[in-house]
Each structure stands twice: as structure tokens, then as C-alpha cells.
Amino acid sequence: MIWAILKTPSESPVLSLTLTFLAWRAILFAVALLSPGPGYDTSTSLLFDAVKTAHGLDAQTTSKSWAASLADRLARKLVRWDAIYFATTSQRGYLYEQEYAFGMGLTSTVSFLTSRMQSALYLSIVISI
């Protein structure tokens, strides 16, 4: 695998593709992070504020370090309503009519995998005790 790094991108298409992908993602993250305002979709802010309120934190005046503030800003820019629907539906199943628009493949797969991971985690805890 180390030989792939030593080659030039023109000699290794996998390396060239990987570098192109990483550069493109870096550009997208920079655009998301540097774009002004909350954006058109405020569902992420509503979700984050509801979580803070549920944990007894003031949604507006919570002081954060610069790293936490940067992570919060990036999460608010990148998480959108469809991701919230996917995660919620995979956690509790289909409840509302509009959730059926996304199909059952991804949500069922995520639900199945997380239940298996939880079972493995519980088993490893029991074995270690």
C-alpha cells in the first residue's frame, strides 16, 4: 500500500481519485463553514435548541469554547431536515406520512445495524464484568 503513495497521481488512479475527492470535500466544508447566516433550512437549529432545552441548558446563552463553537456552526450548516428524518425514522420507525417519501431501504438498514451494534456492545460489557 505504501507504494501507492510514492507514485505520482498519474501513475495511480486510486491515489488521484482519493486526492481529488479529499480536495473537493475540503472545498465544500470551507464553503459551508464560511457561508454567512443560518441558511434556508432552520430545522437543525430547532433540533439543537430542543436538545439543549431537554438537558436543562439555555439554548441561546450557553458559553462555548472556540472549537465547540466551530463544531456547532459546521453541524448547523451540514445537517439538514432530511438527515433528521432519516435518523429519527431509523430510530423509532415510520410514524408520519411524509416519512414514507424516503423509502424504507436506508432507514431499515441503519436500524438493523445499530441494533446489532448495541447487542454487541452489551455483550462485550457483560463479558468484561
N, C-alpha and C. Protein backbone atom coordinates (compact mmCIF):
# COMPACT_ATOMS: atom_id res chain seq x y z
N MET A 1 0.82 -1.19 0.00
CA MET A 1 0.00 0.00 0.00
C MET A 1 0.86 1.26 0.00
N ILE A 2 2.04 1.17 0.63
CA ILE A 2 2.91 2.34 0.68
C ILE A 2 3.41 2.72 -0.70
N TRP A 3 3.51 1.74 -1.60
CA TRP A 3 3.98 2.04 -2.95
C TRP A 3 3.01 2.94 -3.69
N ALA A 4 1.71 2.89 -3.32
CA ALA A 4 0.72 3.75 -3.98
C ALA A 4 0.95 5.22 -3.61
N ILE A 5 1.46 5.47 -2.43
CA ILE A 5 1.70 6.85 -2.01
C ILE A 5 2.92 7.43 -2.71
N LEU A 6 3.91 6.58 -2.97
CA LEU A 6 5.13 7.05 -3.59
C LEU A 6 4.97 7.34 -5.08
N LYS A 7 3.96 6.80 -5.70
CA LYS A 7 3.73 7.04 -7.12
C LYS A 7 3.10 8.41 -7.33
N THR A 8 3.25 8.92 -8.52
CA THR A 8 2.59 10.19 -8.86
C THR A 8 1.12 9.91 -9.14
N PRO A 9 0.25 10.91 -9.02
CA PRO A 9 -1.18 10.69 -9.26
C PRO A 9 -1.49 10.13 -10.66
N SER A 10 -0.69 10.47 -11.65
CA SER A 10 -0.96 9.95 -12.99
C SER A 10 -0.65 8.46 -13.10
N GLU A 11 0.24 7.96 -12.26
CA GLU A 11 0.57 6.54 -12.27
C GLU A 11 -0.38 5.72 -11.41
N SER A 12 -1.10 6.36 -10.51
CA SER A 12 -2.01 5.65 -9.61
C SER A 12 -3.39 6.31 -9.66
N PRO A 13 -4.33 5.74 -10.41
CA PRO A 13 -5.66 6.35 -10.49
C PRO A 13 -6.40 6.37 -9.16
N VAL A 14 -6.14 5.39 -8.28
CA VAL A 14 -6.79 5.38 -6.98
C VAL A 14 -6.32 6.56 -6.14
N LEU A 15 -5.03 6.81 -6.16
CA LEU A 15 -4.48 7.95 -5.44
C LEU A 15 -5.01 9.26 -6.01
N SER A 16 -5.06 9.35 -7.32
CA SER A 16 -5.57 10.55 -7.97
C SER A 16 -7.03 10.80 -7.60
N LEU A 17 -7.83 9.76 -7.61
CA LEU A 17 -9.24 9.88 -7.25
C LEU A 17 -9.41 10.25 -5.78
N THR A 18 -8.60 9.65 -4.92
CA THR A 18 -8.67 9.95 -3.49
C THR A 18 -8.29 11.40 -3.21
N LEU A 19 -7.22 11.86 -3.83
CA LEU A 19 -6.81 13.26 -3.64
C LEU A 19 -7.84 14.25 -4.18
N THR A 20 -8.43 13.92 -5.32
CA THR A 20 -9.47 14.77 -5.88
C THR A 20 -10.69 14.83 -4.97
N PHE A 21 -11.08 13.66 -4.44
CA PHE A 21 -12.22 13.60 -3.53
C PHE A 21 -11.95 14.42 -2.27
N LEU A 22 -10.78 14.25 -1.67
CA LEU A 22 -10.45 14.99 -0.45
C LEU A 22 -10.39 16.49 -0.69
N ALA A 23 -9.84 16.89 -1.84
CA ALA A 23 -9.80 18.32 -2.16
C ALA A 23 -11.21 18.88 -2.34
N TRP A 24 -12.07 18.14 -3.03
CA TRP A 24 -13.44 18.58 -3.25
C TRP A 24 -14.20 18.69 -1.92
N ARG A 25 -14.03 17.71 -1.04
CA ARG A 25 -14.70 17.76 0.26
C ARG A 25 -14.18 18.93 1.10
N ALA A 26 -12.90 19.21 1.02
CA ALA A 26 -12.33 20.34 1.76
C ALA A 26 -12.93 21.65 1.26
N ILE A 27 -13.10 21.77 -0.04
CA ILE A 27 -13.72 22.97 -0.60
C ILE A 27 -15.16 23.10 -0.12
N LEU A 28 -15.91 22.00 -0.13
CA LEU A 28 -17.30 22.04 0.34
C LEU A 28 -17.40 22.39 1.81
N PHE A 29 -16.51 21.84 2.64
CA PHE A 29 -16.51 22.19 4.05
C PHE A 29 -16.18 23.66 4.25
N ALA A 30 -15.23 24.18 3.50
CA ALA A 30 -14.86 25.59 3.61
C ALA A 30 -16.03 26.49 3.20
N VAL A 31 -16.70 26.15 2.13
CA VAL A 31 -17.86 26.95 1.69
C VAL A 31 -18.96 26.90 2.75
N ALA A 32 -19.23 25.72 3.29
CA ALA A 32 -20.27 25.59 4.32
C ALA A 32 -19.91 26.37 5.56
N LEU A 33 -18.66 26.29 5.96
CA LEU A 33 -18.24 26.97 7.18
C LEU A 33 -18.20 28.48 7.03
N LEU A 34 -17.80 28.96 5.88
CA LEU A 34 -17.63 30.39 5.68
C LEU A 34 -18.88 31.10 5.16
N SER A 35 -19.91 30.35 4.80
CA SER A 35 -21.12 31.00 4.29
C SER A 35 -21.83 31.73 5.42
N PRO A 36 -22.31 32.93 5.15
CA PRO A 36 -22.94 33.73 6.20
C PRO A 36 -24.37 33.28 6.50
N GLY A 37 -24.81 33.56 7.69
CA GLY A 37 -26.20 33.32 8.05
C GLY A 37 -26.52 31.86 8.31
N PRO A 38 -27.74 31.62 8.78
CA PRO A 38 -28.13 30.25 9.11
C PRO A 38 -28.50 29.40 7.90
N GLY A 39 -28.72 30.00 6.77
CA GLY A 39 -29.14 29.24 5.60
C GLY A 39 -30.66 29.19 5.51
N TYR A 40 -31.14 28.50 4.51
CA TYR A 40 -32.58 28.45 4.29
C TYR A 40 -33.28 27.46 5.20
N ASP A 41 -32.57 26.48 5.71
CA ASP A 41 -33.17 25.41 6.49
C ASP A 41 -32.80 25.59 7.96
N THR A 42 -33.79 25.92 8.79
CA THR A 42 -33.52 26.15 10.20
C THR A 42 -33.93 24.98 11.08
N SER A 43 -34.26 23.84 10.48
CA SER A 43 -34.68 22.69 11.28
C SER A 43 -33.56 22.19 12.18
N THR A 44 -32.31 22.32 11.74
CA THR A 44 -31.19 21.90 12.56
C THR A 44 -31.11 22.76 13.81
N SER A 45 -31.30 24.06 13.67
CA SER A 45 -31.29 24.95 14.84
C SER A 45 -32.42 24.60 15.80
N LEU A 46 -33.58 24.29 15.26
CA LEU A 46 -34.70 23.91 16.10
C LEU A 46 -34.39 22.62 16.86
N LEU A 47 -33.77 21.66 16.18
CA LEU A 47 -33.41 20.40 16.82
C LEU A 47 -32.37 20.61 17.91
N PHE A 48 -31.32 21.37 17.61
CA PHE A 48 -30.27 21.61 18.60
C PHE A 48 -30.83 22.37 19.81
N ASP A 49 -31.68 23.35 19.58
CA ASP A 49 -32.28 24.10 20.68
C ASP A 49 -33.17 23.21 21.53
N ALA A 50 -33.91 22.29 20.91
CA ALA A 50 -34.77 21.37 21.66
C ALA A 50 -33.93 20.42 22.51
N VAL A 51 -32.81 19.97 21.98
CA VAL A 51 -31.93 19.08 22.75
C VAL A 51 -31.33 19.83 23.93
N LYS A 52 -30.90 21.06 23.72
CA LYS A 52 -30.34 21.85 24.82
C LYS A 52 -31.39 22.10 25.89
N THR A 53 -32.61 22.42 25.48
CA THR A 53 -33.69 22.66 26.44
C THR A 53 -34.02 21.39 27.21
N ALA A 54 -34.01 20.24 26.53
CA ALA A 54 -34.30 18.97 27.19
C ALA A 54 -33.25 18.63 28.24
N HIS A 55 -32.02 19.09 28.05
CA HIS A 55 -30.96 18.84 29.00
C HIS A 55 -30.79 19.96 30.01
N GLY A 56 -31.73 20.91 30.02
CA GLY A 56 -31.71 21.98 31.01
C GLY A 56 -30.73 23.09 30.72
N LEU A 57 -30.29 23.22 29.48
CA LEU A 57 -29.37 24.29 29.10
C LEU A 57 -30.14 25.40 28.42
N ASP A 58 -29.67 26.62 28.58
CA ASP A 58 -30.28 27.74 27.88
C ASP A 58 -29.82 27.69 26.42
N ALA A 59 -30.75 27.63 25.50
CA ALA A 59 -30.42 27.43 24.09
C ALA A 59 -29.65 28.60 23.50
N GLN A 60 -29.80 29.79 24.03
CA GLN A 60 -29.19 30.96 23.41
C GLN A 60 -27.91 31.41 24.10
N THR A 61 -27.79 31.22 25.42
CA THR A 61 -26.68 31.84 26.14
C THR A 61 -25.65 30.84 26.64
N THR A 62 -25.61 29.64 26.11
CA THR A 62 -24.62 28.67 26.54
C THR A 62 -23.25 29.10 26.03
N SER A 63 -22.28 29.26 26.94
CA SER A 63 -20.93 29.67 26.52
C SER A 63 -20.17 28.44 26.04
N LYS A 64 -19.39 28.63 24.96
CA LYS A 64 -18.66 27.52 24.37
C LYS A 64 -17.24 27.95 24.07
N SER A 65 -16.37 26.95 23.99
CA SER A 65 -15.02 27.23 23.54
C SER A 65 -15.06 27.49 22.04
N TRP A 66 -13.96 27.97 21.48
CA TRP A 66 -13.94 28.27 20.04
C TRP A 66 -14.09 26.98 19.24
N ALA A 67 -13.54 25.86 19.73
CA ALA A 67 -13.65 24.60 19.00
C ALA A 67 -15.09 24.09 19.02
N ALA A 68 -15.75 24.20 20.16
CA ALA A 68 -17.14 23.77 20.25
C ALA A 68 -18.04 24.68 19.41
N SER A 69 -17.74 25.97 19.40
CA SER A 69 -18.50 26.91 18.59
C SER A 69 -18.33 26.62 17.10
N LEU A 70 -17.10 26.29 16.69
CA LEU A 70 -16.82 25.95 15.30
C LEU A 70 -17.54 24.66 14.91
N ALA A 71 -17.50 23.66 15.79
CA ALA A 71 -18.17 22.39 15.52
C ALA A 71 -19.68 22.58 15.44
N ASP A 72 -20.24 23.41 16.33
CA ASP A 72 -21.67 23.69 16.31
C ASP A 72 -22.07 24.40 15.02
N ARG A 73 -21.27 25.37 14.60
CA ARG A 73 -21.56 26.09 13.35
C ARG A 73 -21.49 25.16 12.14
N LEU A 74 -20.48 24.31 12.10
CA LEU A 74 -20.34 23.37 10.99
C LEU A 74 -21.49 22.37 10.98
N ALA A 75 -21.88 21.87 12.13
CA ALA A 75 -23.01 20.93 12.21
C ALA A 75 -24.31 21.59 11.75
N ARG A 76 -24.52 22.83 12.17
CA ARG A 76 -25.73 23.54 11.75
C ARG A 76 -25.75 23.79 10.24
N LYS A 77 -24.58 23.93 9.64
CA LYS A 77 -24.51 24.15 8.19
C LYS A 77 -24.69 22.86 7.40
N LEU A 78 -24.23 21.73 7.94
CA LEU A 78 -24.21 20.49 7.17
C LEU A 78 -25.41 19.57 7.41
N VAL A 79 -26.01 19.64 8.58
CA VAL A 79 -27.15 18.77 8.89
C VAL A 79 -28.43 19.45 8.41
N ARG A 80 -29.21 18.74 7.65
CA ARG A 80 -30.45 19.29 7.11
C ARG A 80 -31.63 18.42 7.51
N TRP A 81 -32.81 18.86 7.21
CA TRP A 81 -34.02 18.21 7.66
C TRP A 81 -34.11 16.77 7.20
N ASP A 82 -33.63 16.44 6.02
CA ASP A 82 -33.76 15.06 5.56
C ASP A 82 -32.89 14.12 6.39
N ALA A 83 -31.73 14.58 6.83
CA ALA A 83 -30.90 13.76 7.71
C ALA A 83 -31.59 13.53 9.04
N ILE A 84 -32.29 14.55 9.53
CA ILE A 84 -33.02 14.41 10.79
C ILE A 84 -34.16 13.41 10.62
N TYR A 85 -34.87 13.47 9.48
CA TYR A 85 -35.92 12.49 9.21
C TYR A 85 -35.36 11.07 9.14
N PHE A 86 -34.25 10.90 8.42
CA PHE A 86 -33.64 9.57 8.30
C PHE A 86 -33.28 9.01 9.68
N ALA A 87 -32.59 9.81 10.48
CA ALA A 87 -32.14 9.34 11.78
C ALA A 87 -33.32 9.04 12.71
N THR A 88 -34.30 9.92 12.72
CA THR A 88 -35.45 9.71 13.59
C THR A 88 -36.27 8.50 13.16
N THR A 89 -36.46 8.34 11.85
CA THR A 89 -37.23 7.21 11.35
C THR A 89 -36.51 5.90 11.59
N SER A 90 -35.20 5.87 11.46
CA SER A 90 -34.48 4.63 11.72
C SER A 90 -34.48 4.29 13.20
N GLN A 91 -34.63 5.29 14.04
CA GLN A 91 -34.65 5.06 15.48
C GLN A 91 -36.01 4.55 15.96
N ARG A 92 -37.10 5.15 15.49
CA ARG A 92 -38.41 4.81 16.03
C ARG A 92 -39.37 4.22 15.01
N GLY A 93 -38.98 4.14 13.74
CA GLY A 93 -39.86 3.61 12.71
C GLY A 93 -40.69 4.72 12.08
N TYR A 94 -41.49 4.35 11.11
CA TYR A 94 -42.32 5.31 10.39
C TYR A 94 -43.52 5.69 11.23
N LEU A 95 -43.74 7.00 11.38
CA LEU A 95 -44.85 7.49 12.19
C LEU A 95 -45.70 8.47 11.40
N TYR A 96 -45.07 9.35 10.65
CA TYR A 96 -45.79 10.38 9.91
C TYR A 96 -45.78 10.08 8.42
N GLU A 97 -46.78 10.57 7.75
CA GLU A 97 -46.97 10.33 6.33
C GLU A 97 -45.79 10.77 5.47
N GLN A 98 -45.21 11.93 5.77
CA GLN A 98 -44.13 12.44 4.94
C GLN A 98 -42.85 11.62 5.06
N GLU A 99 -42.72 10.81 6.10
CA GLU A 99 -41.53 9.99 6.26
C GLU A 99 -41.47 8.85 5.25
N TYR A 100 -42.61 8.45 4.71
CA TYR A 100 -42.63 7.37 3.72
C TYR A 100 -42.06 7.80 2.38
N ALA A 101 -41.87 9.08 2.16
CA ALA A 101 -41.33 9.58 0.90
C ALA A 101 -39.88 9.14 0.69
N PHE A 102 -39.17 8.82 1.76
CA PHE A 102 -37.76 8.47 1.66
C PHE A 102 -37.51 7.01 1.38
N GLY A 103 -38.50 6.16 1.48
CA GLY A 103 -38.29 4.74 1.26
C GLY A 103 -37.78 4.06 2.52
N MET A 104 -37.83 2.75 2.49
CA MET A 104 -37.50 2.00 3.70
C MET A 104 -36.10 1.39 3.69
N GLY A 105 -35.39 1.44 2.57
CA GLY A 105 -34.10 0.77 2.47
C GLY A 105 -33.05 1.31 3.43
N LEU A 106 -32.79 2.60 3.37
CA LEU A 106 -31.74 3.19 4.20
C LEU A 106 -32.11 3.16 5.68
N THR A 107 -33.33 3.53 6.00
CA THR A 107 -33.71 3.57 7.42
C THR A 107 -33.74 2.18 8.03
N SER A 108 -34.19 1.19 7.29
CA SER A 108 -34.20 -0.18 7.80
C SER A 108 -32.78 -0.70 8.00
N THR A 109 -31.89 -0.39 7.07
CA THR A 109 -30.50 -0.83 7.19
C THR A 109 -29.82 -0.19 8.39
N VAL A 110 -30.01 1.11 8.56
CA VAL A 110 -29.42 1.80 9.70
C VAL A 110 -29.97 1.25 11.01
N SER A 111 -31.27 1.03 11.07
CA SER A 111 -31.90 0.49 12.27
C SER A 111 -31.35 -0.91 12.59
N PHE A 112 -31.23 -1.75 11.58
CA PHE A 112 -30.71 -3.10 11.76
C PHE A 112 -29.27 -3.08 12.27
N LEU A 113 -28.43 -2.27 11.63
CA LEU A 113 -27.02 -2.22 12.01
C LEU A 113 -26.82 -1.66 13.42
N THR A 114 -27.56 -0.63 13.77
CA THR A 114 -27.41 -0.06 15.11
C THR A 114 -27.91 -1.01 16.18
N SER A 115 -28.97 -1.77 15.90
CA SER A 115 -29.43 -2.74 16.89
C SER A 115 -28.40 -3.84 17.08
N ARG A 116 -27.74 -4.26 16.00
CA ARG A 116 -26.68 -5.28 16.11
C ARG A 116 -25.48 -4.73 16.86
N MET A 117 -25.14 -3.46 16.61
CA MET A 117 -24.01 -2.86 17.31
C MET A 117 -24.31 -2.72 18.80
N GLN A 118 -25.55 -2.37 19.16
CA GLN A 118 -25.93 -2.27 20.56
C GLN A 118 -25.84 -3.63 21.24
N SER A 119 -26.31 -4.68 20.54
CA SER A 119 -26.24 -6.02 21.10
C SER A 119 -24.80 -6.43 21.34
N ALA A 120 -23.91 -6.13 20.39
CA ALA A 120 -22.50 -6.46 20.55
C ALA A 120 -21.87 -5.67 21.68
N LEU A 121 -22.27 -4.41 21.84
CA LEU A 121 -21.74 -3.58 22.92
C LEU A 121 -22.18 -4.13 24.28
N TYR A 122 -23.46 -4.46 24.41
CA TYR A 122 -23.96 -5.02 25.66
C TYR A 122 -23.26 -6.34 25.98
N LEU A 123 -23.07 -7.18 24.98
CA LEU A 123 -22.41 -8.45 25.18
C LEU A 123 -20.97 -8.25 25.63
N SER A 124 -20.27 -7.30 25.03
CA SER A 124 -18.88 -7.06 25.43
C SER A 124 -18.80 -6.51 26.85
N ILE A 125 -19.77 -5.73 27.27
CA ILE A 125 -19.79 -5.21 28.64
C ILE A 125 -20.02 -6.35 29.63
N VAL A 126 -20.97 -7.22 29.31
CA VAL A 126 -21.28 -8.35 30.20
C VAL A 126 -20.09 -9.29 30.31
N ILE A 127 -19.43 -9.55 29.19
CA ILE A 127 -18.28 -10.46 29.19
C ILE A 127 -17.13 -9.87 29.99
N SER A 128 -16.95 -8.55 29.91
CA SER A 128 -15.81 -7.92 30.60
C SER A 128 -16.02 -7.82 32.11
N ILE A 129 -17.25 -7.96 32.56
CA ILE A 129 -17.53 -7.84 34.01
C ILE A 129 -17.25 -9.11 34.69
